[in-house]
PDB file of N, CA and C in Angstrom:
ATOM      1  N   UNK A   1     -15.494 -46.258  20.938  1.00  0.00           N
ATOM      2  CA  UNK A   1     -13.896 -46.363  20.271  1.00  0.00           C
ATOM      3  C   UNK A   1     -13.839 -46.376  18.610  1.00  0.00           C
ATOM      4  N   UNK A   2     -14.596 -46.507  18.069  1.00  0.00           N
ATOM      5  CA  UNK A   2     -14.439 -46.628  16.809  1.00  0.00           C
ATOM      6  C   UNK A   2     -14.465 -45.143  16.243  1.00  0.00           C
ATOM      7  N   UNK A   3     -15.087 -44.298  16.620  1.00  0.00           N
ATOM      8  CA  UNK A   3     -14.874 -42.787  16.286  1.00  0.00           C
ATOM      9  C   UNK A   3     -13.250 -42.526  16.858  1.00  0.00           C
ATOM     10  N   UNK A   4     -12.586 -43.222  17.312  1.00  0.00           N
ATOM     11  CA  UNK A   4     -10.872 -42.583  17.610  1.00  0.00           C
ATOM     12  C   UNK A   4     -10.179 -42.497  16.408  1.00  0.00           C
ATOM     13  N   UNK A   5      -9.990 -43.613  15.591  1.00  0.00           N
ATOM     14  CA  UNK A   5      -9.020 -43.450  14.443  1.00  0.00           C
ATOM     15  C   UNK A   5      -9.800 -42.388  13.283  1.00  0.00           C
ATOM     16  N   UNK A   6     -10.777 -42.161  13.467  1.00  0.00           N
ATOM     17  CA  UNK A   6     -11.570 -41.215  12.679  1.00  0.00           C
ATOM     18  C   UNK A   6     -11.045 -39.734  13.125  1.00  0.00           C
ATOM     19  N   UNK A   7     -11.102 -39.802  14.199  1.00  0.00           N
ATOM     20  CA  UNK A   7     -10.708 -38.363  14.685  1.00  0.00           C
ATOM     21  C   UNK A   7      -9.008 -37.999  14.542  1.00  0.00           C
ATOM     22  N   UNK A   8      -8.415 -39.135  14.940  1.00  0.00           N
ATOM     23  CA  UNK A   8      -6.960 -39.112  14.497  1.00  0.00           C
ATOM     24  C   UNK A   8      -6.549 -38.614  13.208  1.00  0.00           C
ATOM     25  N   UNK A   9      -7.249 -39.370  12.129  1.00  0.00           N
ATOM     26  CA  UNK A   9      -7.104 -39.491  10.667  1.00  0.00           C
ATOM     27  C   UNK A   9      -7.407 -37.712  10.560  1.00  0.00           C
ATOM     28  N   UNK A  10      -8.624 -37.316  10.703  1.00  0.00           N
ATOM     29  CA  UNK A  10      -8.860 -36.051  10.694  1.00  0.00           C
ATOM     30  C   UNK A  10      -7.731 -34.677  11.149  1.00  0.00           C
ATOM     31  N   UNK A  11      -7.414 -35.085  12.715  1.00  0.00           N
ATOM     32  CA  UNK A  11      -6.266 -34.065  12.872  1.00  0.00           C
ATOM     33  C   UNK A  11      -5.238 -34.332  12.112  1.00  0.00           C
ATOM     34  N   UNK A  12      -4.621 -35.180  11.599  1.00  0.00           N
ATOM     35  CA  UNK A  12      -3.509 -35.590  11.035  1.00  0.00           C
ATOM     36  C   UNK A  12      -3.703 -34.939   9.394  1.00  0.00           C
ATOM     37  N   UNK A  13      -4.699 -35.005   9.123  1.00  0.00           N
ATOM     38  CA  UNK A  13      -5.216 -34.560   7.587  1.00  0.00           C
ATOM     39  C   UNK A  13      -5.168 -33.002   7.599  1.00  0.00           C
ATOM     40  N   UNK A  14      -5.510 -32.369   9.013  1.00  0.00           N
ATOM     41  CA  UNK A  14      -5.779 -30.726   8.916  1.00  0.00           C
ATOM     42  C   UNK A  14      -4.172 -30.443   9.244  1.00  0.00           C
ATOM     43  N   UNK A  15      -3.493 -31.127  10.058  1.00  0.00           N
ATOM     44  CA  UNK A  15      -2.201 -30.885  10.161  1.00  0.00           C
ATOM     45  C   UNK A  15      -1.106 -30.735   8.911  1.00  0.00           C
ATOM     46  N   UNK A  16      -1.190 -31.707   8.249  1.00  0.00           N
ATOM     47  CA  UNK A  16      -0.475 -32.035   6.818  1.00  0.00           C
ATOM     48  C   UNK A  16      -1.285 -31.120   5.926  1.00  0.00           C
ATOM     49  N   UNK A  17      -2.384 -30.712   5.653  1.00  0.00           N
ATOM     50  CA  UNK A  17      -2.833 -29.661   4.828  1.00  0.00           C
ATOM     51  C   UNK A  17      -2.293 -28.155   5.258  1.00  0.00           C
ATOM     52  N   UNK A  18      -2.501 -28.080   6.417  1.00  0.00           N
ATOM     53  CA  UNK A  18      -2.098 -26.725   7.085  1.00  0.00           C
ATOM     54  C   UNK A  18      -0.666 -26.507   6.945  1.00  0.00           C
ATOM     55  N   UNK A  19       0.312 -27.337   6.910  1.00  0.00           N
ATOM     56  CA  UNK A  19       1.553 -27.060   7.306  1.00  0.00           C
ATOM     57  C   UNK A  19       1.952 -27.194   5.384  1.00  0.00           C
ATOM     58  N   UNK A  20       1.343 -28.012   4.376  1.00  0.00           N
ATOM     59  CA  UNK A  20       1.313 -27.890   2.915  1.00  0.00           C
ATOM     60  C   UNK A  20       1.290 -26.429   2.586  1.00  0.00           C
ATOM     61  N   UNK A  21       0.607 -25.514   3.398  1.00  0.00           N
ATOM     62  CA  UNK A  21       0.253 -23.964   2.690  1.00  0.00           C
ATOM     63  C   UNK A  21       1.400 -23.344   2.890  1.00  0.00           C
ATOM     64  N   UNK A  22       2.369 -23.823   4.235  1.00  0.00           N
ATOM     65  CA  UNK A  22       3.519 -22.982   4.422  1.00  0.00           C
ATOM     66  C   UNK A  22       4.543 -23.355   3.748  1.00  0.00           C
ATOM     67  N   UNK A  23       4.537 -24.391   2.758  1.00  0.00           N
ATOM     68  CA  UNK A  23       5.411 -24.584   2.300  1.00  0.00           C
ATOM     69  C   UNK A  23       6.294 -23.757   0.960  1.00  0.00           C
ATOM     70  N   UNK A  24       5.357 -23.151   0.265  1.00  0.00           N
ATOM     71  CA  UNK A  24       5.642 -21.938  -0.797  1.00  0.00           C
ATOM     72  C   UNK A  24       6.291 -21.031  -0.067  1.00  0.00           C
ATOM     73  N   UNK A  25       6.465 -20.164  -1.001  1.00  0.00           N
ATOM     74  CA  UNK A  25       6.938 -18.612  -0.561  1.00  0.00           C
ATOM     75  C   UNK A  25       5.771 -18.011  -0.019  1.00  0.00           C
ATOM     76  N   UNK A  26       5.899 -17.426   1.159  1.00  0.00           N
ATOM     77  CA  UNK A  26       4.926 -16.635   1.967  1.00  0.00           C
ATOM     78  C   UNK A  26       4.724 -15.673   1.316  1.00  0.00           C
ATOM     79  N   UNK A  27       2.788 -15.056   1.132  1.00  0.00           N
ATOM     80  CA  UNK A  27       2.848 -14.183   0.450  1.00  0.00           C
ATOM     81  C   UNK A  27       3.127 -12.515   1.185  1.00  0.00           C
ATOM     82  N   UNK A  28       3.293 -11.526   0.635  1.00  0.00           N
ATOM     83  CA  UNK A  28       3.869 -10.568   1.561  1.00  0.00           C
ATOM     84  C   UNK A  28       2.640  -9.842   2.299  1.00  0.00           C
ATOM     85  N   UNK A  29       2.822  -9.816   3.311  1.00  0.00           N
ATOM     86  CA  UNK A  29       1.813  -9.172   4.246  1.00  0.00           C
ATOM     87  C   UNK A  29       1.565  -7.672   3.591  1.00  0.00           C
ATOM     88  N   UNK A  30       0.382  -7.266   3.593  1.00  0.00           N
ATOM     89  CA  UNK A  30      -0.236  -5.904   3.487  1.00  0.00           C
ATOM     90  C   UNK A  30      -0.887  -5.479   4.381  1.00  0.00           C
ATOM     91  N   UNK A  31      -1.028  -3.959   4.272  1.00  0.00           N
ATOM     92  CA  UNK A  31      -1.880  -3.346   5.132  1.00  0.00           C
ATOM     93  C   UNK A  31      -3.360  -3.196   4.510  1.00  0.00           C
ATOM     94  N   UNK A  32      -4.330  -2.587   5.299  1.00  0.00           N
ATOM     95  CA  UNK A  32      -5.825  -2.864   4.909  1.00  0.00           C
ATOM     96  C   UNK A  32      -5.796  -1.772   3.587  1.00  0.00           C
ATOM     97  N   UNK A  33      -4.782  -0.922   3.156  1.00  0.00           N
ATOM     98  CA  UNK A  33      -5.506  -0.318   2.053  1.00  0.00           C
ATOM     99  C   UNK A  33      -4.606  -0.809   0.714  1.00  0.00           C
ATOM    100  N   UNK A  34      -3.811  -1.963   1.126  1.00  0.00           N
ATOM    101  CA  UNK A  34      -3.252  -2.820   0.158  1.00  0.00           C
ATOM    102  C   UNK A  34      -1.971  -2.429  -0.303  1.00  0.00           C
ATOM    103  N   UNK A  35      -1.166  -1.752   0.870  1.00  0.00           N
ATOM    104  CA  UNK A  35       0.167  -1.352   0.387  1.00  0.00           C
ATOM    105  C   UNK A  35       1.202  -2.264   1.156  1.00  0.00           C
ATOM    106  N   UNK A  36       2.274  -2.532   0.670  1.00  0.00           N
ATOM    107  CA  UNK A  36       2.974  -3.603   1.406  1.00  0.00           C
ATOM    108  C   UNK A  36       3.388  -3.213   2.661  1.00  0.00           C
ATOM    109  N   UNK A  37       4.040  -4.442   3.522  1.00  0.00           N
ATOM    110  CA  UNK A  37       4.351  -4.301   4.603  1.00  0.00           C
ATOM    111  C   UNK A  37       6.025  -4.150   4.825  1.00  0.00           C
ATOM    112  N   UNK A  38       6.272  -4.204   4.034  1.00  0.00           N
ATOM    113  CA  UNK A  38       7.732  -4.563   3.723  1.00  0.00           C
ATOM    114  C   UNK A  38       8.380  -3.016   4.258  1.00  0.00           C
ATOM    115  N   UNK A  39       9.702  -3.207   4.980  1.00  0.00           N
ATOM    116  CA  UNK A  39      10.139  -1.943   5.784  1.00  0.00           C
ATOM    117  C   UNK A  39      10.529  -0.490   4.299  1.00  0.00           C
ATOM    118  N   UNK A  40      11.056  -1.045   3.266  1.00  0.00           N
ATOM    119  CA  UNK A  40      11.416  -0.117   2.197  1.00  0.00           C
ATOM    120  C   UNK A  40      10.425   0.224   1.794  1.00  0.00           C
ATOM    121  N   UNK A  41       8.901  -0.303   1.876  1.00  0.00           N
ATOM    122  CA  UNK A  41       7.630   0.259   1.039  1.00  0.00           C
ATOM    123  C   UNK A  41       7.272   1.426   2.024  1.00  0.00           C
ATOM    124  N   UNK A  42       7.368   1.037   3.486  1.00  0.00           N
ATOM    125  CA  UNK A  42       6.821   1.699   4.623  1.00  0.00           C
ATOM    126  C   UNK A  42       7.491   2.852   4.657  1.00  0.00           C
ATOM    127  N   UNK A  43       9.019   3.317   4.605  1.00  0.00           N
ATOM    128  CA  UNK A  43      10.072   3.971   4.681  1.00  0.00           C
ATOM    129  C   UNK A  43       9.719   4.772   3.446  1.00  0.00           C
ATOM    130  N   UNK A  44       9.384   4.293   2.270  1.00  0.00           N
ATOM    131  CA  UNK A  44       8.998   5.359   1.038  1.00  0.00           C
ATOM    132  C   UNK A  44       7.608   5.809   1.303  1.00  0.00           C
ATOM    133  N   UNK A  45       6.702   5.421   1.748  1.00  0.00           N
ATOM    134  CA  UNK A  45       5.301   5.974   2.129  1.00  0.00           C
ATOM    135  C   UNK A  45       5.895   7.138   3.099  1.00  0.00           C
ATOM    136  N   UNK A  46       6.591   6.781   4.141  1.00  0.00           N
ATOM    137  CA  UNK A  46       6.629   7.760   5.366  1.00  0.00           C
ATOM    138  C   UNK A  46       7.222   9.247   4.651  1.00  0.00           C
ATOM    139  N   UNK A  47       8.064   9.112   3.609  1.00  0.00           N
ATOM    140  CA  UNK A  47       8.832  10.127   3.348  1.00  0.00           C
ATOM    141  C   UNK A  47       8.407  11.035   2.544  1.00  0.00           C
ATOM    142  N   UNK A  48       7.369  10.026   1.892  1.00  0.00           N
ATOM    143  CA  UNK A  48       6.268  10.849   0.602  1.00  0.00           C
ATOM    144  C   UNK A  48       5.532  11.845   1.731  1.00  0.00           C
ATOM    145  N   UNK A  49       4.843  11.128   2.590  1.00  0.00           N
ATOM    146  CA  UNK A  49       3.858  11.840   3.339  1.00  0.00           C
ATOM    147  C   UNK A  49       4.502  12.753   3.974  1.00  0.00           C
ATOM    148  N   UNK A  50       5.614  12.894   4.614  1.00  0.00           N
ATOM    149  CA  UNK A  50       6.233  14.127   5.381  1.00  0.00           C
ATOM    150  C   UNK A  50       6.612  15.125   4.333  1.00  0.00           C
ATOM    151  N   UNK A  51       6.805  14.534   2.900  1.00  0.00           N
ATOM    152  CA  UNK A  51       7.292  15.689   2.090  1.00  0.00           C
ATOM    153  C   UNK A  51       5.808  16.416   1.759  1.00  0.00           C
ATOM    154  N   UNK A  52       4.524  15.648   1.407  1.00  0.00           N
ATOM    155  CA  UNK A  52       3.782  16.404   1.126  1.00  0.00           C
ATOM    156  C   UNK A  52       2.985  17.274   2.259  1.00  0.00           C
ATOM    157  N   UNK A  53       2.815  16.365   3.373  1.00  0.00           N
ATOM    158  CA  UNK A  53       2.326  17.431   4.443  1.00  0.00           C
ATOM    159  C   UNK A  53       3.221  18.425   4.817  1.00  0.00           C
ATOM    160  N   UNK A  54       4.775  18.545   4.770  1.00  0.00           N
ATOM    161  CA  UNK A  54       5.136  19.645   5.093  1.00  0.00           C
ATOM    162  C   UNK A  54       5.195  20.819   4.023  1.00  0.00           C
ATOM    163  N   UNK A  55       4.631  20.544   2.889  1.00  0.00           N
ATOM    164  CA  UNK A  55       4.319  21.581   2.064  1.00  0.00           C
ATOM    165  C   UNK A  55       3.243  22.358   2.249  1.00  0.00           C
ATOM    166  N   UNK A  56       3.114  23.334   2.803  1.00  0.00           N
ATOM    167  CA  UNK A  56       2.186  24.111   3.345  1.00  0.00           C
ATOM    168  C   UNK A  56       1.407  25.030   2.228  1.00  0.00           C
ATOM    169  N   UNK A  57       2.042  25.030   0.847  1.00  0.00           N
ATOM    170  CA  UNK A  57       1.254  25.831  -0.264  1.00  0.00           C
ATOM    171  C   UNK A  57       0.327  24.752  -0.914  1.00  0.00           C
ATOM    172  N   UNK A  58       0.536  23.168  -0.308  1.00  0.00           N
ATOM    173  CA  UNK A  58      -0.753  22.557  -0.988  1.00  0.00           C
ATOM    174  C   UNK A  58      -1.804  22.739  -0.073  1.00  0.00           C
ATOM    175  N   UNK A  59      -3.310  22.125  -0.457  1.00  0.00           N
ATOM    176  CA  UNK A  59      -4.381  22.027  -0.055  1.00  0.00           C
ATOM    177  C   UNK A  59      -4.514  20.847   0.484  1.00  0.00           C
ATOM    178  N   UNK A  60      -5.466  20.757   1.689  1.00  0.00           N
ATOM    179  CA  UNK A  60      -5.932  19.762   2.537  1.00  0.00           C
ATOM    180  C   UNK A  60      -6.177  18.400   2.039  1.00  0.00           C
ATOM    181  N   UNK A  61      -7.034  19.051   0.625  1.00  0.00           N
ATOM    182  CA  UNK A  61      -7.188  17.628  -0.323  1.00  0.00           C
ATOM    183  C   UNK A  61      -5.614  17.128  -0.558  1.00  0.00           C
ATOM    184  N   UNK A  62      -4.692  17.926  -0.791  1.00  0.00           N
ATOM    185  CA  UNK A  62      -3.621  17.363  -1.356  1.00  0.00           C
ATOM    186  C   UNK A  62      -2.931  16.729  -0.326  1.00  0.00           C
ATOM    187  N   UNK A  63      -2.811  17.239   1.002  1.00  0.00           N
ATOM    188  CA  UNK A  63      -2.104  16.668   2.036  1.00  0.00           C
ATOM    189  C   UNK A  63      -2.773  15.284   2.601  1.00  0.00           C
ATOM    190  N   UNK A  64      -4.177  14.941   2.140  1.00  0.00           N
ATOM    191  CA  UNK A  64      -4.470  13.877   2.498  1.00  0.00           C
ATOM    192  C   UNK A  64      -4.710  12.883   1.180  1.00  0.00           C
ATOM    193  N   UNK A  65      -3.792  12.938   0.414  1.00  0.00           N
ATOM    194  CA  UNK A  65      -3.936  11.879  -0.778  1.00  0.00           C
ATOM    195  C   UNK A  65      -3.600  10.636  -0.239  1.00  0.00           C
ATOM    196  N   UNK A  66      -3.807   9.520  -1.013  1.00  0.00           N
ATOM    197  CA  UNK A  66      -3.748   7.953  -0.481  1.00  0.00           C
ATOM    198  C   UNK A  66      -2.343   7.656  -1.045  1.00  0.00           C
ATOM    199  N   UNK A  67      -1.402   6.909  -0.401  1.00  0.00           N
ATOM    200  CA  UNK A  67      -0.013   6.979  -1.002  1.00  0.00           C
ATOM    201  C   UNK A  67       0.095   5.263  -0.733  1.00  0.00           C
ATOM    202  N   UNK A  68       0.262   4.424  -1.538  1.00  0.00           N
ATOM    203  CA  UNK A  68       0.246   3.141  -1.585  1.00  0.00           C
ATOM    204  C   UNK A  68       1.369   2.922  -2.113  1.00  0.00           C
ATOM    205  N   UNK A  69       2.158   2.128  -1.194  1.00  0.00           N
ATOM    206  CA  UNK A  69       3.336   1.695  -1.876  1.00  0.00           C
ATOM    207  C   UNK A  69       3.649  -0.133  -1.819  1.00  0.00           C
ATOM    208  N   UNK A  70       3.866  -0.345  -2.960  1.00  0.00           N
ATOM    209  CA  UNK A  70       4.123  -2.051  -2.852  1.00  0.00           C
ATOM    210  C   UNK A  70       5.402  -2.475  -4.083  1.00  0.00           C
ATOM    211  N   UNK A  71       6.085  -3.139  -3.455  1.00  0.00           N
ATOM    212  CA  UNK A  71       7.560  -3.514  -3.925  1.00  0.00           C
ATOM    213  C   UNK A  71       8.113  -2.375  -4.839  1.00  0.00           C
ATOM    214  N   UNK A  72       8.419  -1.597  -3.995  1.00  0.00           N
ATOM    215  CA  UNK A  72       9.313  -0.217  -4.781  1.00  0.00           C
ATOM    216  C   UNK A  72       8.219   0.773  -5.491  1.00  0.00           C
ATOM    217  N   UNK A  73       6.930   0.526  -5.762  1.00  0.00           N
ATOM    218  CA  UNK A  73       6.382   1.595  -6.654  1.00  0.00           C
ATOM    219  C   UNK A  73       4.989   2.107  -5.956  1.00  0.00           C
ATOM    220  N   UNK A  74       4.788   3.088  -6.009  1.00  0.00           N
ATOM    221  CA  UNK A  74       4.207   3.779  -5.325  1.00  0.00           C
ATOM    222  C   UNK A  74       2.778   4.170  -6.411  1.00  0.00           C
ATOM    223  N   UNK A  75       1.658   4.612  -5.862  1.00  0.00           N
ATOM    224  CA  UNK A  75       0.649   4.685  -6.560  1.00  0.00           C
ATOM    225  C   UNK A  75       0.004   5.963  -5.530  1.00  0.00           C
ATOM    226  N   UNK A  76      -0.140   6.929  -6.605  1.00  0.00           N
ATOM    227  CA  UNK A  76      -0.864   8.074  -5.827  1.00  0.00           C
ATOM    228  C   UNK A  76      -2.294   8.323  -5.898  1.00  0.00           C
ATOM    229  N   UNK A  77      -3.358   8.315  -5.138  1.00  0.00           N
ATOM    230  CA  UNK A  77      -4.836   8.313  -5.214  1.00  0.00           C
ATOM    231  C   UNK A  77      -5.623   9.227  -4.566  1.00  0.00           C
ATOM    232  N   UNK A  78      -6.569   9.626  -5.210  1.00  0.00           N
ATOM    233  CA  UNK A  78      -7.342  10.828  -4.337  1.00  0.00           C
ATOM    234  C   UNK A  78      -7.374  12.230  -4.850  1.00  0.00           C
ATOM    235  N   UNK A  79      -8.216  13.012  -4.368  1.00  0.00           N
ATOM    236  CA  UNK A  79      -8.461  14.237  -5.319  1.00  0.00           C
ATOM    237  C   UNK A  79      -7.180  15.378  -4.721  1.00  0.00           C
ATOM    238  N   UNK A  80      -7.020  16.319  -5.628  1.00  0.00           N
ATOM    239  CA  UNK A  80      -6.068  17.426  -5.664  1.00  0.00           C
ATOM    240  C   UNK A  80      -6.861  18.437  -5.769  1.00  0.00           C
ATOM    241  N   UNK A  81      -6.660  19.765  -5.589  1.00  0.00           N
ATOM    242  CA  UNK A  81      -7.258  21.122  -6.027  1.00  0.00           C
ATOM    243  C   UNK A  81      -7.236  21.895  -7.439  1.00  0.00           C
ATOM    244  N   UNK A  82      -5.749  21.020  -8.046  1.00  0.00           N
ATOM    245  CA  UNK A  82      -5.249  22.045  -9.426  1.00  0.00           C
ATOM    246  C   UNK A  82      -4.166  20.829  -9.916  1.00  0.00           C
ATOM    247  N   UNK A  83      -3.880  21.323 -10.993  1.00  0.00           N
ATOM    248  CA  UNK A  83      -2.886  20.384 -11.834  1.00  0.00           C
ATOM    249  C   UNK A  83      -1.589  20.571 -11.380  1.00  0.00           C
ATOM    250  N   UNK A  84      -1.457  21.766 -10.951  1.00  0.00           N
ATOM    251  CA  UNK A  84       0.045  22.082  -9.844  1.00  0.00           C
ATOM    252  C   UNK A  84      -0.114  21.024  -8.900  1.00  0.00           C
ATOM    253  N   UNK A  85      -0.841  20.921  -7.993  1.00  0.00           N
ATOM    254  CA  UNK A  85      -0.842  20.185  -7.134  1.00  0.00           C
ATOM    255  C   UNK A  85      -0.643  18.640  -7.453  1.00  0.00           C
ATOM    256  N   UNK A  86      -1.502  18.150  -8.414  1.00  0.00           N
ATOM    257  CA  UNK A  86      -1.524  17.063  -9.047  1.00  0.00           C
ATOM    258  C   UNK A  86       0.542  16.668  -9.156  1.00  0.00           C
ATOM    259  N   UNK A  87       1.016  17.873  -9.883  1.00  0.00           N
ATOM    260  CA  UNK A  87       2.210  17.508 -10.277  1.00  0.00           C
ATOM    261  C   UNK A  87       3.232  17.376  -9.539  1.00  0.00           C
ATOM    262  N   UNK A  88       2.987  18.387  -8.157  1.00  0.00           N
ATOM    263  CA  UNK A  88       3.959  18.588  -6.765  1.00  0.00           C
ATOM    264  C   UNK A  88       3.917  17.338  -6.187  1.00  0.00           C
ATOM    265  N   UNK A  89       2.542  16.799  -5.832  1.00  0.00           N
ATOM    266  CA  UNK A  89       2.681  15.615  -5.419  1.00  0.00           C
ATOM    267  C   UNK A  89       3.345  14.174  -5.753  1.00  0.00           C
ATOM    268  N   UNK A  90       3.232  14.266  -7.147  1.00  0.00           N
ATOM    269  CA  UNK A  90       3.849  13.282  -8.177  1.00  0.00           C
ATOM    270  C   UNK A  90       5.298  13.372  -7.965  1.00  0.00           C
ATOM    271  N   UNK A  91       5.863  14.915  -8.168  1.00  0.00           N
ATOM    272  CA  UNK A  91       7.064  15.006  -8.059  1.00  0.00           C
ATOM    273  C   UNK A  91       8.014  14.695  -6.854  1.00  0.00           C
ATOM    274  N   UNK A  92       7.086  14.848  -5.417  1.00  0.00           N
ATOM    275  CA  UNK A  92       7.632  14.308  -4.450  1.00  0.00           C
ATOM    276  C   UNK A  92       7.611  12.929  -4.202  1.00  0.00           C
ATOM    277  N   UNK A  93       6.754  12.202  -4.740  1.00  0.00           N
ATOM    278  CA  UNK A  93       7.036  10.952  -4.913  1.00  0.00           C
ATOM    279  C   UNK A  93       8.109  10.287  -6.042  1.00  0.00           C
ATOM    280  N   UNK A  94       8.142  11.150  -6.702  1.00  0.00           N
ATOM    281  CA  UNK A  94       9.446  10.713  -7.758  1.00  0.00           C
ATOM    282  C   UNK A  94      10.502  10.752  -7.391  1.00  0.00           C
ATOM    283  N   UNK A  95      10.906  12.069  -6.389  1.00  0.00           N
ATOM    284  CA  UNK A  95      11.939  11.934  -5.580  1.00  0.00           C
ATOM    285  C   UNK A  95      12.488  11.273  -4.683  1.00  0.00           C
ATOM    286  N   UNK A  96      11.550  10.417  -4.154  1.00  0.00           N
ATOM    287  CA  UNK A  96      11.564   9.058  -3.447  1.00  0.00           C
ATOM    288  C   UNK A  96      11.818   7.623  -3.976  1.00  0.00           C
ATOM    289  N   UNK A  97      11.328   7.398  -5.060  1.00  0.00           N
ATOM    290  CA  UNK A  97      11.281   5.967  -5.422  1.00  0.00           C
ATOM    291  C   UNK A  97      11.610   6.293  -7.141  1.00  0.00           C
ATOM    292  N   UNK A  98      11.724   7.546  -7.777  1.00  0.00           N
ATOM    293  CA  UNK A  98      12.108   7.615  -9.060  1.00  0.00           C
ATOM    294  C   UNK A  98      10.668   7.773  -9.846  1.00  0.00           C
ATOM    295  N   UNK A  99      10.874   8.439 -10.704  1.00  0.00           N
ATOM    296  CA  UNK A  99       9.697   8.732 -11.518  1.00  0.00           C
ATOM    297  C   UNK A  99       8.930   7.454 -12.182  1.00  0.00           C
ATOM    298  N   UNK A 100       9.841   6.456 -12.837  1.00  0.00           N
ATOM    299  CA  UNK A 100       9.286   5.110 -13.427  1.00  0.00           C
ATOM    300  C   UNK A 100       8.430   4.122 -12.226  1.00  0.00           C
ATOM    301  N   UNK A 101       8.825   4.696 -11.227  1.00  0.00           N
ATOM    302  CA  UNK A 101       7.775   4.100 -10.172  1.00  0.00           C
ATOM    303  C   UNK A 101       6.723   4.504  -9.460  1.00  0.00           C
ATOM    304  N   UNK A 102       6.617   5.545 -10.361  1.00  0.00           N
ATOM    305  CA  UNK A 102       4.890   6.263  -9.485  1.00  0.00           C
ATOM    306  C   UNK A 102       4.138   6.064 -10.528  1.00  0.00           C
ATOM    307  N   UNK A 103       2.685   5.849 -10.199  1.00  0.00           N
ATOM    308  CA  UNK A 103       1.531   5.764 -10.745  1.00  0.00           C
ATOM    309  C   UNK A 103       0.836   6.733 -10.462  1.00  0.00           C
ATOM    310  N   UNK A 104       0.459   7.815 -11.110  1.00  0.00           N
ATOM    311  CA  UNK A 104      -0.488   9.188 -10.616  1.00  0.00           C
ATOM    312  C   UNK A 104      -1.609   8.898 -11.219  1.00  0.00           C
ATOM    313  N   UNK A 105      -2.620   8.616 -10.118  1.00  0.00           N
ATOM    314  CA  UNK A 105      -4.288   8.300  -9.908  1.00  0.00           C
ATOM    315  C   UNK A 105      -4.760   9.425  -9.582  1.00  0.00           C
ATOM    316  N   UNK A 106      -4.318  10.502  -9.221  1.00  0.00           N
ATOM    317  CA  UNK A 106      -5.093  11.871  -8.520  1.00  0.00           C
ATOM    318  C   UNK A 106      -5.891  12.381  -9.517  1.00  0.00           C
ATOM    319  N   UNK A 107      -6.795  12.758  -8.864  1.00  0.00           N
ATOM    320  CA  UNK A 107      -7.841  13.635  -9.969  1.00  0.00           C
ATOM    321  C   UNK A 107      -7.908  15.016  -9.594  1.00  0.00           C
ATOM    322  N   UNK A 108      -8.618  15.842 -10.141  1.00  0.00           N
ATOM    323  CA  UNK A 108      -8.744  17.105 -10.223  1.00  0.00           C
ATOM    324  C   UNK A 108      -9.878  17.513  -9.938  1.00  0.00           C
ATOM    325  N   UNK A 109     -10.123  18.020  -8.369  1.00  0.00           N
ATOM    326  CA  UNK A 109     -11.252  18.570  -7.817  1.00  0.00           C
ATOM    327  C   UNK A 109     -11.489  19.916  -7.318  1.00  0.00           C
ATOM    328  N   UNK A 110     -11.627  20.621  -8.335  1.00  0.00           N
ATOM    329  CA  UNK A 110     -11.438  22.364  -8.034  1.00  0.00           C
ATOM    330  C   UNK A 110     -12.535  22.665  -6.794  1.00  0.00           C
ATOM    331  N   UNK A 111     -12.205  23.819  -6.215  1.00  0.00           N
ATOM    332  CA  UNK A 111     -12.957  24.111  -5.288  1.00  0.00           C
ATOM    333  C   UNK A 111     -14.399  24.551  -5.786  1.00  0.00           C
ATOM    334  N   UNK A 112     -15.602  24.445  -4.952  1.00  0.00           N
ATOM    335  CA  UNK A 112     -16.769  24.709  -5.495  1.00  0.00           C
ATOM    336  C   UNK A 112     -16.899  26.357  -5.175  1.00  0.00           C
ATOM    337  N   UNK A 113     -17.521  26.978  -6.144  1.00  0.00           N
ATOM    338  CA  UNK A 113     -17.885  28.419  -6.033  1.00  0.00           C
ATOM    339  C   UNK A 113     -19.148  28.660  -5.457  1.00  0.00           C
TER     340      UNK A 113
END
């Protein structure tokens, strides 16, 4: 019987500590790639991906770039085949979220000969 008050105390403390974590602003949910899970960010990623994949003049590399949207900003990562492709993908992203909201981290990896 002496252990019972300790168990109740531990449970009460656990509940109080757990609920204290939820008092502040809840963190924004993210996907595994670090992208936001907000509707506007998901929509932006979908629109950019559709534009990139729909452009058949781009290489497979360009079609597979990583597009990360978070809080209205987009980061582009991965290799493309040329400076022209790098600019084309960045322009497609800028058309969706605005040029000031695009961080272009694409790298150029020419085809091996």
